[in-house]
Amino acid sequence: MPYYLAPYEKVPVRDAVQFHPVGCEGVVRGPIDLRPDGGATLEGAGLNACLLWLPRPASDWRLELLAESPTERLAAPTRRYLSRLFWVPEIHGDTFGDTVLRLMIDPPRDGWRPIRPTWQGVYEIWLGGRRLAGLRTIRGGTTITEDFDKADNGLGPDLTWTTFHSLSGGTLGVTSNQANHKSGGEAEARADSDLATDDHYVQATAGADYSNGSNFYIGVLCRKDSSATRTQYRWMNFGTDGPWELAKFVGGAETVLDNAYTTDPVATESFKLEANGSTIRGFHTAAQQRASVTDAAITNNLRCGIALFGNLAYIDNFEAGDLAVGDPGRTARIAYYYYMRRR
């Protein structure tokens, strides 16, 4: 099952002309487009090439065989040739998988896309429907935590908190080293610490004194900004009054995205909300996914928070953090550095 360096060619498709990799016989098998102009032209701003996996050996002279498998070792002259071809520093990874991984880290400005995080900062490359290479998890960016271990008054002490939404004078504070709904109606508070990216998670536990009865609601918020505007995603449990609800708020207007999961939490159980690109997911416990939707309405907001209602609504062990730090290319370079050091 060989891997090739292949050029693109013009292929008539009905009344149009498309660019297909040589050897695909009109069917694209998940190539990695290496043209520096992002595939806008056949010539690719000086480099017409892609990395291509085929299910069987090909005889077309325009295809340049690179390897038979991701673990095949590449000779030093081949690595130097690829470095010159793609204008990147000499590649030190000695297998084909390592070589492609290195090529993906520093793409041209408009060229091939860098490797991207999949889950909790893990990076992978797929070619032709096969996992070609990957990096171990590199956790970075910002992580914030709050244990609420303080005297019974306002929220804290580890983070600064602002209540930005309150119904009927709803207030939040600390009771017995847990965040608690003190009075009035439903209230939401944000932690006034920015994360590094809008791809992040927030999690907490139901407090030791939590009761999941009627009128006791607990939840967490992500992709909130620093303003008083109610724009965020929320994952909230409504106790015996209703199911878990994954919702978005845009300028105060609520849209329920998912409310199919109905198992209420009990004291000390964890729950989590995660935003990763346009994938928004809710968990209970923090390791078990219960809701997943696609929504791109809220981006670039870097704060997280909590939502509470009812005198027996308690939250503890708040944590929020980035799924991956900074731009994917920079994180990938850091990950690649440590990956090669471990070999």
Protein backbone atom coordinates (compact mmCIF):
# COMPACT_ATOMS: atom_id res chain seq x y z
CA MET A 1 0.00 0.00 0.00
CA PRO A 2 2.41 2.65 -1.28
CA TYR A 3 2.70 6.37 -0.65
CA TYR A 4 3.57 8.65 -3.56
CA LEU A 5 4.51 12.21 -4.36
CA ALA A 6 2.07 12.99 -7.17
CA PRO A 7 1.26 15.97 -9.40
CA TYR A 8 -2.24 17.18 -10.17
CA GLU A 9 -3.73 17.10 -13.65
CA LYS A 10 -6.75 18.70 -15.25
CA VAL A 11 -9.74 16.35 -15.47
CA PRO A 12 -12.91 17.33 -17.37
CA VAL A 13 -15.99 16.82 -15.22
CA ARG A 14 -19.18 17.50 -17.21
CA ASP A 15 -19.00 21.19 -18.14
CA ALA A 16 -16.10 22.03 -15.82
CA VAL A 17 -12.47 21.18 -15.29
CA GLN A 18 -11.20 19.94 -11.94
CA PHE A 19 -7.73 19.14 -10.60
CA HIS A 20 -7.22 15.52 -9.56
CA PRO A 21 -4.01 13.80 -8.43
CA VAL A 22 -2.37 11.61 -11.05
CA GLY A 23 -3.07 7.97 -10.25
CA CYS A 24 -6.48 8.52 -8.67
CA GLU A 25 -8.37 7.73 -11.88
CA GLY A 26 -10.74 10.59 -11.11
CA VAL A 27 -11.33 9.50 -7.50
CA VAL A 28 -9.55 11.50 -4.79
CA ARG A 29 -8.35 9.22 -1.99
CA GLY A 30 -7.68 11.78 0.70
CA PRO A 31 -4.43 13.31 -0.60
CA ILE A 32 -2.59 16.07 1.23
CA ASP A 33 -2.50 19.00 -1.19
CA LEU A 34 0.98 20.56 -1.08
CA ARG A 35 0.44 23.38 -3.59
CA PRO A 36 1.55 26.65 -1.90
CA ASP A 37 -1.46 28.55 -3.22
CA GLY A 38 -3.84 26.15 -1.48
CA GLY A 39 -4.87 24.45 -4.69
CA ALA A 40 -6.13 27.58 -6.42
CA THR A 41 -4.24 26.69 -9.60
CA LEU A 42 -2.85 23.58 -11.19
CA GLU A 43 0.69 24.98 -11.01
CA GLY A 44 0.29 25.74 -7.29
CA ALA A 45 2.47 28.88 -7.34
CA GLY A 46 5.48 26.87 -8.42
CA LEU A 47 4.82 23.48 -6.80
CA ASN A 48 2.24 21.12 -8.28
CA ALA A 49 2.34 18.21 -5.85
CA CYS A 50 0.47 16.21 -3.25
CA LEU A 51 1.12 13.30 -0.91
CA LEU A 52 -0.99 10.39 -2.07
CA TRP A 53 -1.84 6.94 -0.74
CA LEU A 54 -2.98 4.29 -3.22
CA PRO A 55 -4.38 0.84 -2.42
CA ARG A 56 -2.00 -0.82 -4.89
CA PRO A 57 1.26 0.01 -6.72
CA ALA A 58 0.91 2.35 -9.72
CA SER A 59 2.91 2.36 -12.94
CA ASP A 60 2.43 5.98 -14.04
CA TRP A 61 5.89 7.51 -14.51
CA ARG A 62 4.69 10.82 -13.05
CA LEU A 63 4.22 9.24 -9.61
CA GLU A 64 7.27 9.25 -7.35
CA LEU A 65 7.27 6.38 -4.86
CA LEU A 66 8.28 7.57 -1.37
CA ALA A 67 7.51 4.61 0.88
CA GLU A 68 5.54 1.40 1.22
CA SER A 69 4.46 2.09 4.80
CA PRO A 70 4.61 4.90 7.39
CA THR A 71 7.35 3.05 9.31
CA GLU A 72 9.64 2.63 6.30
CA ARG A 73 12.97 4.39 6.79
CA LEU A 74 13.89 7.08 4.28
CA ALA A 75 17.44 7.43 3.09
CA ALA A 76 19.21 10.71 3.87
CA PRO A 77 19.27 11.80 0.19
CA THR A 78 15.47 11.40 0.01
CA ARG A 79 14.98 13.51 3.13
CA ARG A 80 17.29 16.23 1.76
CA TYR A 81 15.45 16.17 -1.57
CA LEU A 82 12.10 16.68 0.16
CA SER A 83 13.54 19.48 2.29
CA ARG A 84 14.74 21.34 -0.80
CA LEU A 85 11.50 20.67 -2.64
CA PHE A 86 9.34 22.14 0.11
CA TRP A 87 11.72 24.85 1.31
CA VAL A 88 11.86 23.53 4.87
CA PRO A 89 14.85 22.81 7.14
CA GLU A 90 16.47 19.41 6.79
CA ILE A 91 14.17 16.68 8.06
CA HIS A 92 15.65 14.61 10.87
CA GLY A 93 12.85 12.10 11.29
CA ASP A 94 14.04 8.91 9.62
CA THR A 95 10.70 7.24 8.82
CA PHE A 96 8.18 8.28 6.22
CA GLY A 97 5.60 9.04 8.93
CA ASP A 98 8.06 11.27 10.81
CA THR A 99 8.98 13.02 7.58
CA VAL A 100 5.39 13.88 6.70
CA LEU A 101 4.81 15.00 10.27
CA ARG A 102 7.72 17.43 9.95
CA LEU A 103 6.47 18.72 6.61
CA MET A 104 3.03 19.47 8.04
CA ILE A 105 4.36 21.63 10.88
CA ASP A 106 5.50 24.63 8.85
CA PRO A 107 3.22 25.09 5.83
CA PRO A 108 3.38 28.08 3.47
CA ARG A 109 1.04 30.92 4.37
CA ASP A 110 -1.59 29.83 1.84
CA GLY A 111 -0.49 26.25 1.39
CA TRP A 112 -1.23 22.94 3.02
CA ARG A 113 -2.98 23.03 6.34
CA PRO A 114 -0.94 22.34 9.47
CA ILE A 115 -1.69 19.30 11.57
CA ARG A 116 -4.57 19.95 13.91
CA PRO A 117 -5.53 18.96 17.45
CA THR A 118 -8.03 16.13 17.77
CA TRP A 119 -8.66 15.55 21.47
CA GLN A 120 -7.05 17.31 24.43
CA GLY A 121 -4.21 18.58 22.26
CA VAL A 122 -3.35 15.30 20.51
CA TYR A 123 -2.13 15.91 16.94
CA GLU A 124 -2.58 13.50 14.03
CA ILE A 125 -2.15 13.30 10.25
CA TRP A 126 -4.46 11.17 8.12
CA LEU A 127 -3.67 10.26 4.52
CA GLY A 128 -5.94 8.19 2.31
CA GLY A 129 -8.19 7.30 5.23
CA ARG A 130 -5.26 5.96 7.25
CA ARG A 131 -3.61 7.41 10.33
CA LEU A 132 -0.15 8.25 9.06
CA ALA A 133 1.50 9.93 12.02
CA GLY A 134 0.71 11.45 15.38
CA LEU A 135 2.07 13.21 18.42
CA ARG A 136 1.53 12.49 22.05
CA THR A 137 -0.56 14.93 24.06
CA ILE A 138 1.10 18.26 24.73
CA ARG A 139 -0.91 20.18 27.32
CA GLY A 140 -0.29 23.88 27.36
CA GLY A 141 -1.97 27.21 27.30
CA THR A 142 -3.94 28.28 30.32
CA THR A 143 -5.58 26.25 33.08
CA ILE A 144 -7.51 27.92 35.87
CA THR A 145 -8.91 26.30 39.02
CA GLU A 146 -11.08 27.31 41.94
CA ASP A 147 -11.70 25.29 45.13
CA PHE A 148 -13.98 27.81 46.90
CA ASP A 149 -12.19 27.15 50.19
CA LYS A 150 -12.89 30.37 52.02
CA ALA A 151 -15.21 32.10 54.46
CA ASP A 152 -18.94 32.06 53.69
CA ASN A 153 -19.42 35.16 51.55
CA GLY A 154 -18.55 36.03 47.93
CA LEU A 155 -17.05 33.67 45.36
CA GLY A 156 -13.31 32.95 45.42
CA PRO A 157 -10.60 32.86 46.70
CA ASP A 158 -8.44 31.54 43.84
CA LEU A 159 -10.11 33.46 41.01
CA THR A 160 -11.91 36.77 40.64
CA TRP A 161 -15.60 36.28 39.80
CA THR A 162 -18.28 38.54 38.30
CA THR A 163 -22.00 37.76 38.39
CA PHE A 164 -23.21 38.98 34.98
CA HIS A 165 -26.70 37.45 34.89
CA SER A 166 -29.22 37.53 37.71
CA LEU A 167 -32.96 36.93 37.83
CA SER A 168 -34.99 38.47 40.68
CA GLY A 169 -31.85 39.58 42.48
CA GLY A 170 -30.16 36.18 42.34
CA THR A 171 -26.81 36.04 44.13
CA LEU A 172 -23.98 33.52 44.35
CA GLY A 173 -21.38 33.01 47.05
CA VAL A 174 -19.52 30.43 49.10
CA THR A 175 -21.13 28.18 51.70
CA SER A 176 -19.13 25.47 53.48
CA ASN A 177 -16.29 25.69 50.94
CA GLN A 178 -18.60 25.27 47.93
CA ALA A 179 -20.12 27.70 45.43
CA ASN A 180 -23.77 28.11 46.37
CA HIS A 181 -26.89 29.93 45.21
CA LYS A 182 -27.62 32.39 48.01
CA SER A 183 -30.86 34.13 47.12
CA GLY A 184 -33.28 35.26 44.42
CA GLY A 185 -33.53 33.66 41.00
CA GLU A 186 -31.08 31.95 38.66
CA ALA A 187 -27.60 33.52 38.52
CA GLU A 188 -24.51 33.08 36.34
CA ALA A 189 -20.95 34.14 37.13
CA ARG A 190 -17.82 34.19 34.99
CA ALA A 191 -14.24 33.65 36.12
CA ASP A 192 -12.37 36.81 35.13
CA SER A 193 -9.34 35.00 33.68
CA ASP A 194 -8.87 34.56 29.93
CA LEU A 195 -7.87 31.20 28.51
CA ALA A 196 -5.46 31.13 25.57
CA THR A 197 -7.94 29.95 22.92
CA ASP A 198 -11.66 29.48 22.39
CA ASP A 199 -11.09 25.72 22.08
CA HIS A 200 -11.42 24.89 25.75
CA TYR A 201 -13.25 22.94 28.42
CA VAL A 202 -14.82 23.76 31.78
CA GLN A 203 -15.69 21.24 34.45
CA ALA A 204 -16.83 21.07 38.07
CA THR A 205 -18.35 18.69 40.57
CA ALA A 206 -21.71 18.77 42.26
CA GLY A 207 -20.97 19.97 45.78
CA ALA A 208 -20.98 17.67 48.78
CA ASP A 209 -24.23 19.32 49.98
CA TYR A 210 -25.93 19.25 46.57
CA SER A 211 -29.48 17.91 46.23
CA ASN A 212 -30.91 17.08 42.80
CA GLY A 213 -34.50 17.78 43.80
CA SER A 214 -36.96 20.33 42.46
CA ASN A 215 -35.70 23.90 41.89
CA PHE A 216 -32.00 23.03 42.38
CA TYR A 217 -30.03 23.64 39.16
CA ILE A 218 -26.26 23.52 38.52
CA GLY A 219 -24.29 24.16 35.35
CA VAL A 220 -21.07 25.40 33.72
CA LEU A 221 -20.44 27.96 30.97
CA CYS A 222 -17.81 28.24 28.23
CA ARG A 223 -16.94 30.73 25.47
CA LYS A 224 -18.06 33.65 27.60
CA ASP A 225 -16.43 37.06 27.11
CA SER A 226 -15.59 39.78 29.63
CA SER A 227 -18.80 41.77 29.14
CA ALA A 228 -22.19 41.67 30.83
CA THR A 229 -23.76 40.36 27.60
CA ARG A 230 -25.20 36.89 27.98
CA THR A 231 -23.38 35.18 25.10
CA GLN A 232 -22.03 31.72 25.93
CA TYR A 233 -22.62 27.97 25.81
CA ARG A 234 -24.15 26.36 28.90
CA TRP A 235 -24.40 22.74 30.09
CA MET A 236 -26.90 22.62 32.93
CA ASN A 237 -28.84 20.07 34.96
CA PHE A 238 -32.36 20.92 36.15
CA GLY A 239 -32.71 18.23 38.81
CA THR A 240 -36.13 16.65 39.00
CA ASP A 241 -37.58 19.57 37.01
CA GLY A 242 -36.02 18.50 33.71
CA PRO A 243 -33.11 16.89 31.83
CA TRP A 244 -29.60 18.11 31.20
CA GLU A 245 -29.67 20.96 28.72
CA LEU A 246 -26.94 22.01 26.28
CA ALA A 247 -27.83 25.54 25.19
CA LYS A 248 -26.35 28.62 23.56
CA PHE A 249 -27.10 32.20 24.47
CA VAL A 250 -26.45 34.95 21.92
CA GLY A 251 -27.13 38.43 23.20
CA GLY A 252 -29.40 36.90 25.85
CA ALA A 253 -31.47 34.84 23.40
CA GLU A 254 -31.45 31.14 24.33
CA THR A 255 -31.44 28.23 21.90
CA VAL A 256 -31.58 24.70 23.29
CA LEU A 257 -29.17 22.54 21.29
CA ASP A 258 -29.68 19.19 23.07
CA ASN A 259 -31.75 18.00 26.03
CA ALA A 260 -31.96 14.24 25.53
CA TYR A 261 -29.87 13.12 28.53
CA THR A 262 -31.90 12.72 31.73
CA THR A 263 -29.73 11.15 34.46
CA ASP A 264 -29.30 13.67 37.28
CA PRO A 265 -25.96 14.08 39.05
CA VAL A 266 -25.50 13.25 42.71
CA ALA A 267 -23.22 14.93 45.23
CA THR A 268 -19.50 15.00 44.26
CA GLU A 269 -20.09 13.75 40.67
CA SER A 270 -18.25 15.62 37.90
CA PHE A 271 -19.65 17.21 34.76
CA LYS A 272 -17.97 19.02 31.87
CA LEU A 273 -18.63 21.27 28.87
CA GLU A 274 -16.23 21.40 25.93
CA ALA A 275 -15.98 23.62 22.85
CA ASN A 276 -13.61 22.39 20.13
CA GLY A 277 -14.07 24.30 16.88
CA SER A 278 -17.75 23.95 16.02
CA THR A 279 -18.18 20.80 18.12
CA ILE A 280 -19.84 21.50 21.47
CA ARG A 281 -20.11 18.60 23.92
CA GLY A 282 -21.55 17.98 27.36
CA PHE A 283 -20.32 15.29 29.76
CA HIS A 284 -21.57 13.57 32.93
CA THR A 285 -19.38 12.39 34.51
CA ALA A 286 -16.51 14.43 33.09
CA ALA A 287 -15.26 11.36 31.16
CA GLN A 288 -18.61 10.28 29.65
CA GLN A 289 -20.04 12.21 26.71
CA ARG A 290 -23.81 12.76 26.94
CA ALA A 291 -24.44 15.42 24.27
CA SER A 292 -22.64 16.54 21.12
CA VAL A 293 -23.78 19.18 18.63
CA THR A 294 -22.31 21.24 15.83
CA ASP A 295 -22.67 24.99 16.28
CA ALA A 296 -20.45 27.88 15.18
CA ALA A 297 -22.45 30.82 16.51
CA ILE A 298 -20.03 31.76 19.32
CA THR A 299 -16.29 32.13 18.73
CA ASN A 300 -13.28 33.98 20.17
CA ASN A 301 -14.67 34.23 23.71
CA LEU A 302 -12.07 33.10 26.25
CA ARG A 303 -13.81 32.87 29.63
CA CYS A 304 -15.76 30.22 31.52
CA GLY A 305 -18.13 30.24 34.46
CA ILE A 306 -20.88 28.65 36.54
CA ALA A 307 -24.68 28.80 36.76
CA LEU A 308 -26.76 28.03 39.88
CA PHE A 309 -30.31 28.20 41.18
CA GLY A 310 -31.84 27.00 44.45
CA ASN A 311 -30.55 26.94 48.01
CA LEU A 312 -29.35 23.32 47.68
CA ALA A 313 -27.50 23.99 44.43
CA TYR A 314 -23.77 23.59 45.16
CA ILE A 315 -20.72 23.41 42.88
CA ASP A 316 -17.13 22.62 43.79
CA ASN A 317 -13.74 21.90 42.17
CA PHE A 318 -14.10 24.29 39.24
CA GLU A 319 -11.52 23.94 36.45
CA ALA A 320 -11.18 25.35 32.92
CA GLY A 321 -8.39 25.02 30.39
CA ASP A 322 -7.32 25.05 26.76
CA LEU A 323 -7.56 21.94 24.64
CA ALA A 324 -4.43 23.12 22.79
CA VAL A 325 -2.34 26.25 23.16
CA GLY A 326 -1.88 29.03 20.61
CA ASP A 327 -1.93 28.49 16.87
CA PRO A 328 -1.81 24.84 15.70
CA GLY A 329 1.51 25.30 13.90
CA ARG A 330 3.29 26.66 16.97
CA THR A 331 1.89 23.95 19.24
CA ALA A 332 2.78 21.29 16.71
CA ARG A 333 6.38 22.51 16.56
CA ILE A 334 6.64 22.25 20.35
CA ALA A 335 5.02 18.82 20.30
CA TYR A 336 7.30 17.63 17.51
CA TYR A 337 10.39 18.80 19.41
CA TYR A 338 9.48 16.75 22.47
CA TYR A 339 8.34 13.83 20.32
CA MET A 340 11.76 13.60 18.64
CA ARG A 341 13.57 13.96 21.97
CA ARG A 342 11.69 10.94 23.35
CA ARG A 343 12.66 8.69 20.44
